N, C-alpha and C. Protein backbone atom coordinates (compact mmCIF):
# COMPACT_ATOMS: atom_id res chain seq x y z
N UNK A 1 -10.43 5.10 -16.46
CA UNK A 1 -9.78 3.80 -16.41
C UNK A 1 -10.36 2.91 -17.51
N UNK A 2 -9.46 2.20 -18.17
CA UNK A 2 -9.84 1.30 -19.24
C UNK A 2 -9.96 -0.12 -18.69
N UNK A 3 -11.11 -0.77 -18.89
CA UNK A 3 -11.33 -2.13 -18.41
C UNK A 3 -11.33 -3.08 -19.60
N UNK A 4 -10.43 -4.06 -19.55
CA UNK A 4 -10.32 -5.04 -20.64
C UNK A 4 -10.57 -6.42 -20.06
N UNK A 5 -11.51 -7.13 -20.65
CA UNK A 5 -11.67 -8.52 -20.25
C UNK A 5 -10.76 -9.35 -21.14
N UNK A 6 -10.32 -10.45 -20.60
CA UNK A 6 -9.36 -11.31 -21.27
C UNK A 6 -9.86 -11.70 -22.65
N UNK A 7 -9.08 -11.37 -23.65
CA UNK A 7 -9.45 -11.68 -25.03
C UNK A 7 -8.17 -11.65 -25.85
N UNK A 8 -8.31 -11.55 -27.13
CA UNK A 8 -7.12 -11.46 -27.98
C UNK A 8 -6.61 -10.02 -28.06
N UNK A 9 -7.32 -9.10 -27.44
CA UNK A 9 -6.91 -7.69 -27.46
C UNK A 9 -5.55 -7.52 -26.80
N UNK A 10 -4.71 -6.69 -27.41
CA UNK A 10 -3.38 -6.44 -26.87
C UNK A 10 -3.27 -5.01 -26.37
N UNK A 11 -2.35 -4.80 -25.45
CA UNK A 11 -2.04 -3.45 -24.96
C UNK A 11 -0.70 -3.08 -25.56
N UNK A 12 -0.73 -2.19 -26.55
CA UNK A 12 0.51 -1.88 -27.27
C UNK A 12 1.29 -0.72 -26.68
N UNK A 13 0.63 0.11 -25.85
CA UNK A 13 1.34 1.22 -25.21
C UNK A 13 2.37 0.65 -24.24
N UNK A 14 3.56 1.27 -24.16
CA UNK A 14 4.54 0.82 -23.16
C UNK A 14 3.90 0.88 -21.77
N UNK A 15 3.97 -0.25 -21.04
CA UNK A 15 3.22 -0.37 -19.79
C UNK A 15 4.05 -0.97 -18.67
N UNK A 16 3.64 -0.61 -17.45
CA UNK A 16 4.13 -1.30 -16.27
C UNK A 16 2.95 -2.05 -15.69
N UNK A 17 3.22 -3.22 -15.13
CA UNK A 17 2.12 -4.06 -14.69
C UNK A 17 2.33 -4.56 -13.27
N UNK A 18 1.23 -5.00 -12.68
CA UNK A 18 1.25 -5.80 -11.47
C UNK A 18 0.15 -6.83 -11.63
N UNK A 19 0.30 -7.96 -10.95
CA UNK A 19 -0.64 -9.06 -11.07
C UNK A 19 -1.08 -9.49 -9.68
N UNK A 20 -2.38 -9.69 -9.50
CA UNK A 20 -2.85 -10.18 -8.21
C UNK A 20 -4.36 -10.11 -8.08
N UNK A 21 -4.84 -10.62 -6.96
CA UNK A 21 -6.28 -10.57 -6.68
C UNK A 21 -6.68 -9.24 -6.06
N UNK A 22 -5.80 -8.68 -5.23
CA UNK A 22 -6.00 -7.36 -4.61
C UNK A 22 -7.31 -7.26 -3.84
N UNK A 23 -7.66 -8.31 -3.13
CA UNK A 23 -8.90 -8.30 -2.35
C UNK A 23 -8.78 -7.30 -1.20
N UNK A 24 -9.73 -6.38 -1.12
CA UNK A 24 -9.72 -5.36 -0.09
C UNK A 24 -9.02 -4.08 -0.51
N UNK A 25 -8.19 -4.16 -1.55
CA UNK A 25 -7.38 -3.02 -2.00
C UNK A 25 -6.88 -2.25 -0.77
N UNK A 26 -6.11 -2.96 0.06
CA UNK A 26 -5.65 -2.43 1.35
C UNK A 26 -4.43 -1.52 1.21
N UNK A 27 -3.94 -1.02 2.33
CA UNK A 27 -2.84 -0.06 2.33
C UNK A 27 -1.59 -0.59 1.62
N UNK A 28 -1.32 -1.89 1.70
CA UNK A 28 -0.19 -2.47 0.99
C UNK A 28 -0.37 -2.39 -0.51
N UNK A 29 -1.57 -2.73 -0.98
CA UNK A 29 -1.88 -2.61 -2.40
C UNK A 29 -1.78 -1.15 -2.85
N UNK A 30 -2.31 -0.26 -2.02
CA UNK A 30 -2.30 1.16 -2.36
C UNK A 30 -0.88 1.71 -2.48
N UNK A 31 0.01 1.26 -1.60
CA UNK A 31 1.41 1.69 -1.67
C UNK A 31 2.03 1.22 -2.99
N UNK A 32 1.72 0.00 -3.38
CA UNK A 32 2.21 -0.53 -4.66
C UNK A 32 1.68 0.31 -5.82
N UNK A 33 0.38 0.62 -5.80
CA UNK A 33 -0.22 1.42 -6.89
C UNK A 33 0.39 2.82 -6.95
N UNK A 34 0.68 3.41 -5.80
CA UNK A 34 1.31 4.74 -5.79
C UNK A 34 2.69 4.69 -6.41
N UNK A 35 3.47 3.66 -6.08
CA UNK A 35 4.79 3.50 -6.69
C UNK A 35 4.67 3.32 -8.20
N UNK A 36 3.70 2.51 -8.61
CA UNK A 36 3.48 2.30 -10.05
C UNK A 36 3.10 3.61 -10.74
N UNK A 37 2.19 4.34 -10.13
CA UNK A 37 1.75 5.61 -10.73
C UNK A 37 2.93 6.56 -10.90
N UNK A 38 3.75 6.68 -9.88
CA UNK A 38 4.92 7.56 -9.95
C UNK A 38 5.87 7.11 -11.06
N UNK A 39 6.17 5.82 -11.11
CA UNK A 39 7.09 5.27 -12.11
C UNK A 39 6.52 5.45 -13.52
N UNK A 40 5.24 5.16 -13.68
CA UNK A 40 4.59 5.30 -14.99
C UNK A 40 4.61 6.75 -15.45
N UNK A 41 4.27 7.65 -14.55
CA UNK A 41 4.25 9.08 -14.89
C UNK A 41 5.64 9.57 -15.30
N UNK A 42 6.63 9.16 -14.53
CA UNK A 42 8.02 9.58 -14.78
C UNK A 42 8.53 9.07 -16.13
N UNK A 43 8.12 7.87 -16.53
CA UNK A 43 8.63 7.24 -17.74
C UNK A 43 7.65 7.27 -18.92
N UNK A 44 6.51 7.93 -18.72
CA UNK A 44 5.49 8.02 -19.77
C UNK A 44 4.96 6.63 -20.18
N UNK A 45 4.71 5.78 -19.19
CA UNK A 45 4.14 4.46 -19.40
C UNK A 45 2.71 4.45 -18.89
N UNK A 46 1.97 3.43 -19.27
CA UNK A 46 0.63 3.19 -18.74
C UNK A 46 0.75 2.21 -17.58
N UNK A 47 -0.11 2.36 -16.57
CA UNK A 47 -0.14 1.41 -15.45
C UNK A 47 -1.27 0.41 -15.69
N UNK A 48 -0.92 -0.87 -15.56
CA UNK A 48 -1.89 -1.94 -15.83
C UNK A 48 -1.94 -2.88 -14.64
N UNK A 49 -3.14 -3.11 -14.13
CA UNK A 49 -3.36 -4.12 -13.10
C UNK A 49 -4.00 -5.32 -13.79
N UNK A 50 -3.39 -6.49 -13.58
CA UNK A 50 -3.95 -7.75 -14.08
C UNK A 50 -4.54 -8.46 -12.87
N UNK A 51 -5.83 -8.72 -12.94
CA UNK A 51 -6.50 -9.35 -11.82
C UNK A 51 -7.40 -10.47 -12.32
N UNK A 52 -8.00 -11.18 -11.40
CA UNK A 52 -8.77 -12.37 -11.72
C UNK A 52 -10.21 -12.23 -11.22
N UNK A 53 -11.14 -12.78 -12.01
CA UNK A 53 -12.53 -12.86 -11.60
C UNK A 53 -13.10 -14.16 -12.13
N UNK A 54 -13.55 -15.06 -11.25
CA UNK A 54 -13.62 -14.93 -9.80
C UNK A 54 -12.25 -15.02 -9.14
N UNK A 55 -12.23 -14.70 -7.85
CA UNK A 55 -11.00 -14.80 -7.06
C UNK A 55 -10.55 -16.26 -7.08
N UNK A 56 -9.23 -16.53 -7.26
CA UNK A 56 -8.75 -17.92 -7.32
C UNK A 56 -9.19 -18.80 -6.16
N UNK A 57 -9.26 -18.26 -4.96
CA UNK A 57 -9.67 -19.11 -3.82
C UNK A 57 -11.13 -19.51 -3.91
N UNK A 58 -11.95 -18.70 -4.56
CA UNK A 58 -13.36 -19.07 -4.74
C UNK A 58 -13.49 -20.31 -5.63
N UNK A 59 -12.55 -20.46 -6.54
CA UNK A 59 -12.57 -21.59 -7.48
C UNK A 59 -11.87 -22.81 -6.90
N UNK A 60 -10.72 -22.59 -6.28
CA UNK A 60 -9.87 -23.70 -5.85
C UNK A 60 -10.21 -24.25 -4.47
N UNK A 61 -10.85 -23.45 -3.63
CA UNK A 61 -11.13 -23.89 -2.27
C UNK A 61 -12.60 -23.66 -1.94
N UNK A 62 -13.45 -24.35 -2.65
CA UNK A 62 -14.91 -24.15 -2.55
C UNK A 62 -15.46 -24.29 -1.14
N UNK A 63 -14.93 -25.20 -0.34
CA UNK A 63 -15.51 -25.48 0.97
C UNK A 63 -14.79 -24.77 2.12
N UNK A 64 -13.97 -23.80 1.81
CA UNK A 64 -13.22 -23.12 2.86
C UNK A 64 -14.05 -22.00 3.49
N UNK A 65 -13.47 -21.36 4.47
CA UNK A 65 -14.11 -20.22 5.12
C UNK A 65 -13.84 -18.91 4.38
N UNK A 66 -13.25 -19.00 3.21
CA UNK A 66 -12.87 -17.82 2.45
C UNK A 66 -14.10 -16.98 2.07
N UNK A 67 -13.93 -15.67 2.14
CA UNK A 67 -14.95 -14.74 1.63
C UNK A 67 -14.23 -13.51 1.09
N UNK A 68 -14.88 -12.84 0.16
CA UNK A 68 -14.31 -11.63 -0.42
C UNK A 68 -14.53 -10.44 0.50
N UNK A 69 -13.53 -9.59 0.59
CA UNK A 69 -13.64 -8.37 1.38
C UNK A 69 -14.51 -7.36 0.65
N UNK A 70 -14.26 -7.20 -0.63
CA UNK A 70 -15.03 -6.29 -1.48
C UNK A 70 -15.57 -7.06 -2.67
N UNK A 71 -16.65 -6.56 -3.25
CA UNK A 71 -17.14 -7.14 -4.50
C UNK A 71 -16.16 -6.77 -5.61
N UNK A 72 -16.27 -7.45 -6.73
CA UNK A 72 -15.42 -7.14 -7.87
C UNK A 72 -15.65 -5.69 -8.33
N UNK A 73 -16.90 -5.26 -8.33
CA UNK A 73 -17.23 -3.89 -8.75
C UNK A 73 -16.59 -2.86 -7.82
N UNK A 74 -16.62 -3.13 -6.51
CA UNK A 74 -15.99 -2.22 -5.56
C UNK A 74 -14.48 -2.15 -5.79
N UNK A 75 -13.89 -3.29 -6.10
CA UNK A 75 -12.45 -3.33 -6.38
C UNK A 75 -12.12 -2.44 -7.58
N UNK A 76 -12.94 -2.49 -8.61
CA UNK A 76 -12.70 -1.65 -9.79
C UNK A 76 -12.79 -0.16 -9.45
N UNK A 77 -13.74 0.20 -8.60
CA UNK A 77 -13.87 1.60 -8.16
C UNK A 77 -12.58 2.03 -7.46
N UNK A 78 -12.05 1.16 -6.61
CA UNK A 78 -10.82 1.49 -5.88
C UNK A 78 -9.62 1.57 -6.82
N UNK A 79 -9.53 0.69 -7.80
CA UNK A 79 -8.44 0.78 -8.79
C UNK A 79 -8.46 2.15 -9.46
N UNK A 80 -9.65 2.59 -9.82
CA UNK A 80 -9.76 3.90 -10.48
C UNK A 80 -9.33 5.02 -9.54
N UNK A 81 -9.71 4.93 -8.28
CA UNK A 81 -9.31 5.95 -7.30
C UNK A 81 -7.79 6.07 -7.19
N UNK A 82 -7.10 4.94 -7.38
CA UNK A 82 -5.65 4.95 -7.25
C UNK A 82 -4.95 5.09 -8.60
N UNK A 83 -5.66 5.65 -9.57
CA UNK A 83 -5.11 6.12 -10.84
C UNK A 83 -4.51 5.02 -11.71
N UNK A 84 -5.09 3.83 -11.65
CA UNK A 84 -4.67 2.76 -12.55
C UNK A 84 -5.24 3.07 -13.93
N UNK A 85 -4.41 3.00 -14.97
CA UNK A 85 -4.87 3.34 -16.32
C UNK A 85 -5.75 2.24 -16.92
N UNK A 86 -5.30 0.97 -16.76
CA UNK A 86 -6.00 -0.14 -17.39
C UNK A 86 -6.07 -1.31 -16.42
N UNK A 87 -7.22 -1.98 -16.41
CA UNK A 87 -7.37 -3.22 -15.65
C UNK A 87 -7.69 -4.32 -16.65
N UNK A 88 -6.85 -5.36 -16.65
CA UNK A 88 -7.07 -6.53 -17.48
C UNK A 88 -7.60 -7.63 -16.57
N UNK A 89 -8.80 -8.12 -16.88
CA UNK A 89 -9.45 -9.12 -16.05
C UNK A 89 -9.34 -10.49 -16.72
N UNK A 90 -8.71 -11.43 -16.01
CA UNK A 90 -8.58 -12.79 -16.51
C UNK A 90 -9.62 -13.66 -15.79
N UNK A 91 -10.49 -14.35 -16.56
CA UNK A 91 -11.43 -15.25 -15.91
C UNK A 91 -10.66 -16.43 -15.32
N UNK A 92 -10.82 -16.65 -14.02
CA UNK A 92 -10.08 -17.71 -13.36
C UNK A 92 -10.92 -18.97 -13.31
N UNK A 93 -10.30 -20.10 -13.64
CA UNK A 93 -10.99 -21.39 -13.64
C UNK A 93 -10.01 -22.47 -13.20
N UNK A 94 -10.52 -23.66 -12.93
CA UNK A 94 -9.63 -24.78 -12.58
C UNK A 94 -8.68 -25.07 -13.72
N UNK A 95 -9.16 -24.99 -14.95
CA UNK A 95 -8.29 -25.23 -16.11
C UNK A 95 -7.18 -24.20 -16.16
N UNK A 96 -7.54 -22.93 -15.97
CA UNK A 96 -6.53 -21.87 -15.99
C UNK A 96 -5.51 -22.08 -14.88
N UNK A 97 -5.93 -22.58 -13.73
CA UNK A 97 -5.03 -22.77 -12.59
C UNK A 97 -3.94 -23.80 -12.86
N UNK A 98 -4.09 -24.59 -13.93
CA UNK A 98 -3.11 -25.63 -14.25
C UNK A 98 -1.97 -25.11 -15.14
N UNK A 99 -2.02 -23.85 -15.53
CA UNK A 99 -0.94 -23.28 -16.35
C UNK A 99 0.33 -23.14 -15.54
N UNK A 100 1.44 -23.50 -16.15
CA UNK A 100 2.73 -23.31 -15.47
C UNK A 100 3.01 -21.82 -15.36
N UNK A 101 3.89 -21.48 -14.45
CA UNK A 101 4.26 -20.07 -14.24
C UNK A 101 4.81 -19.46 -15.53
N UNK A 102 5.70 -20.19 -16.19
CA UNK A 102 6.31 -19.69 -17.42
C UNK A 102 5.30 -19.48 -18.52
N UNK A 103 4.38 -20.43 -18.66
CA UNK A 103 3.35 -20.33 -19.71
C UNK A 103 2.41 -19.16 -19.43
N UNK A 104 2.02 -18.99 -18.17
CA UNK A 104 1.16 -17.86 -17.80
C UNK A 104 1.85 -16.54 -18.13
N UNK A 105 3.09 -16.42 -17.72
CA UNK A 105 3.83 -15.18 -17.95
C UNK A 105 3.98 -14.90 -19.44
N UNK A 106 4.38 -15.91 -20.20
CA UNK A 106 4.60 -15.73 -21.64
C UNK A 106 3.29 -15.49 -22.40
N UNK A 107 2.34 -16.42 -22.25
CA UNK A 107 1.12 -16.39 -23.07
C UNK A 107 0.10 -15.35 -22.64
N UNK A 108 -0.06 -15.20 -21.35
CA UNK A 108 -1.14 -14.35 -20.86
C UNK A 108 -0.72 -12.92 -20.56
N UNK A 109 0.59 -12.71 -20.46
CA UNK A 109 1.05 -11.35 -20.15
C UNK A 109 1.96 -10.82 -21.25
N UNK A 110 3.12 -11.42 -21.43
CA UNK A 110 4.14 -10.84 -22.32
C UNK A 110 3.74 -10.84 -23.79
N UNK A 111 2.93 -11.79 -24.22
CA UNK A 111 2.47 -11.80 -25.62
C UNK A 111 1.32 -10.82 -25.85
N UNK A 112 0.72 -10.32 -24.76
CA UNK A 112 -0.46 -9.46 -24.90
C UNK A 112 -0.21 -8.01 -24.52
N UNK A 113 0.86 -7.78 -23.76
CA UNK A 113 1.10 -6.43 -23.23
C UNK A 113 2.54 -6.03 -23.51
N UNK A 114 2.73 -4.78 -23.88
CA UNK A 114 4.06 -4.22 -24.11
C UNK A 114 4.65 -3.85 -22.74
N UNK A 115 5.14 -4.85 -22.03
CA UNK A 115 5.59 -4.69 -20.65
C UNK A 115 7.01 -4.13 -20.59
N UNK A 116 7.17 -3.05 -19.84
CA UNK A 116 8.49 -2.45 -19.60
C UNK A 116 8.99 -2.75 -18.19
N UNK A 117 8.05 -2.92 -17.25
CA UNK A 117 8.42 -3.23 -15.87
C UNK A 117 7.26 -3.96 -15.20
N UNK A 118 7.63 -4.83 -14.24
CA UNK A 118 6.65 -5.56 -13.45
C UNK A 118 6.87 -5.24 -11.99
N UNK A 119 5.83 -4.78 -11.33
CA UNK A 119 5.87 -4.47 -9.89
C UNK A 119 5.17 -5.59 -9.13
N UNK A 120 5.84 -6.13 -8.11
CA UNK A 120 5.23 -7.18 -7.30
C UNK A 120 5.66 -7.05 -5.86
N UNK A 121 4.81 -7.56 -4.99
CA UNK A 121 5.15 -7.62 -3.57
C UNK A 121 6.10 -8.78 -3.31
N UNK A 122 6.72 -8.82 -2.13
CA UNK A 122 7.76 -9.81 -1.83
C UNK A 122 7.27 -11.26 -1.72
N UNK A 123 5.99 -11.46 -1.50
CA UNK A 123 5.48 -12.82 -1.31
C UNK A 123 4.69 -13.33 -2.51
N UNK A 124 4.93 -12.74 -3.67
CA UNK A 124 4.13 -13.08 -4.84
C UNK A 124 4.55 -14.43 -5.43
N UNK A 125 3.54 -15.28 -5.69
CA UNK A 125 3.73 -16.54 -6.38
C UNK A 125 2.67 -16.62 -7.48
N UNK A 126 2.99 -17.36 -8.53
CA UNK A 126 2.04 -17.46 -9.63
C UNK A 126 2.23 -18.78 -10.37
N UNK A 127 1.24 -19.13 -11.17
CA UNK A 127 1.30 -20.36 -11.94
C UNK A 127 0.79 -21.56 -11.15
N UNK A 128 0.78 -22.70 -11.81
CA UNK A 128 0.27 -23.94 -11.22
C UNK A 128 0.92 -24.20 -9.87
N UNK A 129 0.09 -24.42 -8.88
CA UNK A 129 0.53 -24.70 -7.51
C UNK A 129 1.52 -23.64 -6.99
N UNK A 130 1.34 -22.41 -7.46
CA UNK A 130 2.15 -21.26 -7.00
C UNK A 130 3.65 -21.51 -7.19
N UNK A 131 3.99 -22.20 -8.31
CA UNK A 131 5.38 -22.58 -8.55
C UNK A 131 6.28 -21.40 -8.90
N UNK A 132 5.71 -20.38 -9.52
CA UNK A 132 6.50 -19.23 -9.93
C UNK A 132 6.72 -18.26 -8.78
N UNK A 133 7.92 -17.71 -8.71
CA UNK A 133 8.22 -16.73 -7.67
C UNK A 133 9.08 -15.61 -8.27
N UNK A 134 9.66 -14.80 -7.42
CA UNK A 134 10.46 -13.67 -7.89
C UNK A 134 11.63 -14.14 -8.75
N UNK A 135 12.27 -15.24 -8.38
CA UNK A 135 13.41 -15.75 -9.17
C UNK A 135 12.98 -16.17 -10.57
N UNK A 136 11.82 -16.83 -10.68
CA UNK A 136 11.27 -17.22 -11.98
C UNK A 136 11.06 -15.97 -12.84
N UNK A 137 10.44 -15.00 -12.23
CA UNK A 137 10.12 -13.76 -12.92
C UNK A 137 11.38 -13.04 -13.41
N UNK A 138 12.37 -12.92 -12.54
CA UNK A 138 13.61 -12.23 -12.90
C UNK A 138 14.30 -12.96 -14.05
N UNK A 139 14.35 -14.28 -13.98
CA UNK A 139 15.01 -15.07 -15.03
C UNK A 139 14.36 -14.83 -16.39
N UNK A 140 13.05 -14.90 -16.45
CA UNK A 140 12.33 -14.72 -17.72
C UNK A 140 12.43 -13.27 -18.20
N UNK A 141 12.29 -12.32 -17.30
CA UNK A 141 12.27 -10.91 -17.68
C UNK A 141 13.64 -10.37 -18.08
N UNK A 142 14.70 -10.89 -17.49
CA UNK A 142 16.05 -10.44 -17.86
C UNK A 142 16.31 -10.68 -19.34
N UNK A 143 15.86 -11.83 -19.85
CA UNK A 143 16.05 -12.17 -21.27
C UNK A 143 15.32 -11.19 -22.18
N UNK A 144 14.25 -10.58 -21.68
CA UNK A 144 13.42 -9.70 -22.50
C UNK A 144 13.62 -8.22 -22.16
N UNK A 145 14.62 -7.95 -21.33
CA UNK A 145 14.94 -6.58 -20.94
C UNK A 145 13.76 -5.87 -20.25
N UNK A 146 13.06 -6.63 -19.40
CA UNK A 146 11.94 -6.09 -18.63
C UNK A 146 12.41 -5.95 -17.18
N UNK A 147 12.19 -4.79 -16.63
CA UNK A 147 12.61 -4.53 -15.26
C UNK A 147 11.63 -5.16 -14.27
N UNK A 148 12.15 -5.79 -13.22
CA UNK A 148 11.32 -6.36 -12.16
C UNK A 148 11.56 -5.54 -10.90
N UNK A 149 10.49 -4.98 -10.36
CA UNK A 149 10.60 -4.13 -9.18
C UNK A 149 9.80 -4.76 -8.04
N UNK A 150 10.53 -5.18 -7.01
CA UNK A 150 9.88 -5.79 -5.86
C UNK A 150 9.66 -4.71 -4.80
N UNK A 151 8.42 -4.59 -4.36
CA UNK A 151 8.12 -3.62 -3.31
C UNK A 151 8.31 -4.28 -1.95
N UNK A 152 8.49 -3.47 -0.95
CA UNK A 152 8.67 -3.97 0.41
C UNK A 152 7.33 -4.37 1.00
N UNK A 153 7.38 -5.29 1.97
CA UNK A 153 6.18 -5.65 2.72
C UNK A 153 5.68 -4.40 3.43
N UNK A 154 4.40 -4.10 3.28
CA UNK A 154 3.85 -2.89 3.90
C UNK A 154 3.39 -3.22 5.32
N UNK A 155 3.86 -2.41 6.25
CA UNK A 155 3.49 -2.61 7.65
C UNK A 155 2.85 -1.34 8.20
N UNK A 156 1.87 -1.53 9.06
CA UNK A 156 1.23 -0.44 9.78
C UNK A 156 1.36 -0.76 11.25
N UNK A 157 2.08 0.08 11.96
CA UNK A 157 2.33 -0.14 13.39
C UNK A 157 2.91 -1.54 13.63
N UNK A 158 3.91 -1.89 12.84
CA UNK A 158 4.63 -3.17 12.91
C UNK A 158 3.79 -4.40 12.56
N UNK A 159 2.64 -4.21 11.95
CA UNK A 159 1.78 -5.32 11.54
C UNK A 159 1.79 -5.38 10.01
N UNK A 160 2.10 -6.58 9.46
CA UNK A 160 2.05 -6.76 8.01
C UNK A 160 0.60 -6.66 7.54
N UNK A 161 0.35 -5.75 6.62
CA UNK A 161 -1.00 -5.54 6.12
C UNK A 161 -1.29 -6.58 5.04
N UNK A 162 -2.24 -7.46 5.34
CA UNK A 162 -2.60 -8.54 4.41
C UNK A 162 -4.11 -8.74 4.40
N UNK A 163 -4.60 -9.22 3.27
CA UNK A 163 -6.04 -9.49 3.14
C UNK A 163 -6.50 -10.54 4.15
N UNK A 164 -5.67 -11.54 4.43
CA UNK A 164 -6.06 -12.60 5.37
C UNK A 164 -6.30 -12.02 6.78
N UNK A 165 -5.49 -11.06 7.19
CA UNK A 165 -5.67 -10.43 8.49
C UNK A 165 -6.95 -9.58 8.51
N UNK A 166 -7.21 -8.90 7.42
CA UNK A 166 -8.44 -8.10 7.32
C UNK A 166 -9.66 -9.01 7.43
N UNK A 167 -9.63 -10.16 6.75
CA UNK A 167 -10.74 -11.12 6.85
C UNK A 167 -10.90 -11.61 8.28
N UNK A 168 -9.79 -11.84 8.96
CA UNK A 168 -9.84 -12.29 10.35
C UNK A 168 -10.54 -11.24 11.22
N UNK A 169 -10.17 -9.97 11.03
CA UNK A 169 -10.83 -8.89 11.78
C UNK A 169 -12.33 -8.84 11.46
N UNK A 170 -12.68 -9.00 10.20
CA UNK A 170 -14.09 -8.95 9.81
C UNK A 170 -14.88 -10.11 10.42
N UNK A 171 -14.27 -11.29 10.47
CA UNK A 171 -14.93 -12.44 11.12
C UNK A 171 -15.16 -12.19 12.61
N UNK A 172 -14.29 -11.39 13.22
CA UNK A 172 -14.41 -11.04 14.63
C UNK A 172 -15.29 -9.79 14.84
N UNK A 173 -15.92 -9.33 13.75
CA UNK A 173 -16.73 -8.11 13.77
C UNK A 173 -15.93 -6.89 14.22
N UNK A 174 -14.65 -6.88 13.92
CA UNK A 174 -13.76 -5.77 14.26
C UNK A 174 -13.56 -4.91 13.01
N UNK A 175 -14.62 -4.22 12.63
CA UNK A 175 -14.59 -3.41 11.42
C UNK A 175 -13.58 -2.27 11.53
N UNK A 176 -13.38 -1.73 12.72
CA UNK A 176 -12.46 -0.62 12.91
C UNK A 176 -11.03 -1.00 12.51
N UNK A 177 -10.53 -2.14 13.00
CA UNK A 177 -9.18 -2.56 12.65
C UNK A 177 -9.09 -3.00 11.19
N UNK A 178 -10.15 -3.61 10.67
CA UNK A 178 -10.17 -4.01 9.25
C UNK A 178 -10.04 -2.77 8.37
N UNK A 179 -10.84 -1.76 8.65
CA UNK A 179 -10.81 -0.55 7.83
C UNK A 179 -9.51 0.23 8.02
N UNK A 180 -8.91 0.12 9.18
CA UNK A 180 -7.62 0.77 9.42
C UNK A 180 -6.57 0.20 8.47
N UNK A 181 -6.57 -1.13 8.28
CA UNK A 181 -5.62 -1.77 7.38
C UNK A 181 -5.96 -1.55 5.91
N UNK A 182 -7.25 -1.36 5.64
CA UNK A 182 -7.66 -1.10 4.26
C UNK A 182 -7.42 0.35 3.87
N UNK A 183 -7.48 1.24 4.84
CA UNK A 183 -7.32 2.66 4.51
C UNK A 183 -8.55 3.26 3.86
N UNK A 184 -9.67 2.56 3.95
CA UNK A 184 -10.94 3.06 3.40
C UNK A 184 -12.07 2.29 4.07
N UNK A 185 -13.26 2.83 3.90
CA UNK A 185 -14.47 2.20 4.43
C UNK A 185 -14.72 0.89 3.71
N UNK A 186 -15.24 -0.09 4.40
CA UNK A 186 -15.52 -1.38 3.74
C UNK A 186 -16.62 -1.26 2.71
N UNK A 187 -17.52 -0.30 2.87
CA UNK A 187 -18.59 -0.09 1.91
C UNK A 187 -18.16 0.97 0.92
N UNK A 188 -17.92 0.56 -0.31
CA UNK A 188 -17.40 1.44 -1.35
C UNK A 188 -18.54 1.83 -2.30
N UNK A 189 -18.62 3.11 -2.60
CA UNK A 189 -19.61 3.61 -3.56
C UNK A 189 -18.89 4.52 -4.55
N UNK A 190 -19.49 4.68 -5.70
CA UNK A 190 -18.92 5.60 -6.72
C UNK A 190 -18.78 7.00 -6.19
């Protein structure tokens, strides 16, 4: 797996991307990565995960009860396990959080990566105050002939698998249910 920190470096290989924090790299994230891997392999593209460090909530909600499920290093190990070709890490800051959805998409993604398709979950929002959504993405990408692929909400036994639910289980010391939704042990090692 190729790890790129945010810089002027570009990814020129035809690529498919997804963007998110992916805390816990849970079963929903894994389903998305499997779809990406299949699509990339079929079309001879590279799979790219764009993620943030630190996690946006660590920056924007300093006094909340928020905590990370996995360390950043553990998250990278899991990305590699799920056959992601490249991880682009964007340093998240209050200043960065003020970028509009369009500016983020244009400047931080489309000008830096040869994007052929974007994979996202159904509840994805991006940009300042989460203003960007699937409609924003489709509008911008249609003009550039980039395919937008929305994945379905992942459910396990009729429960939507989400990082917030995993955190809730962990706060209740219910490691069994947390790990069931993650599909892996909470303690990740190489």
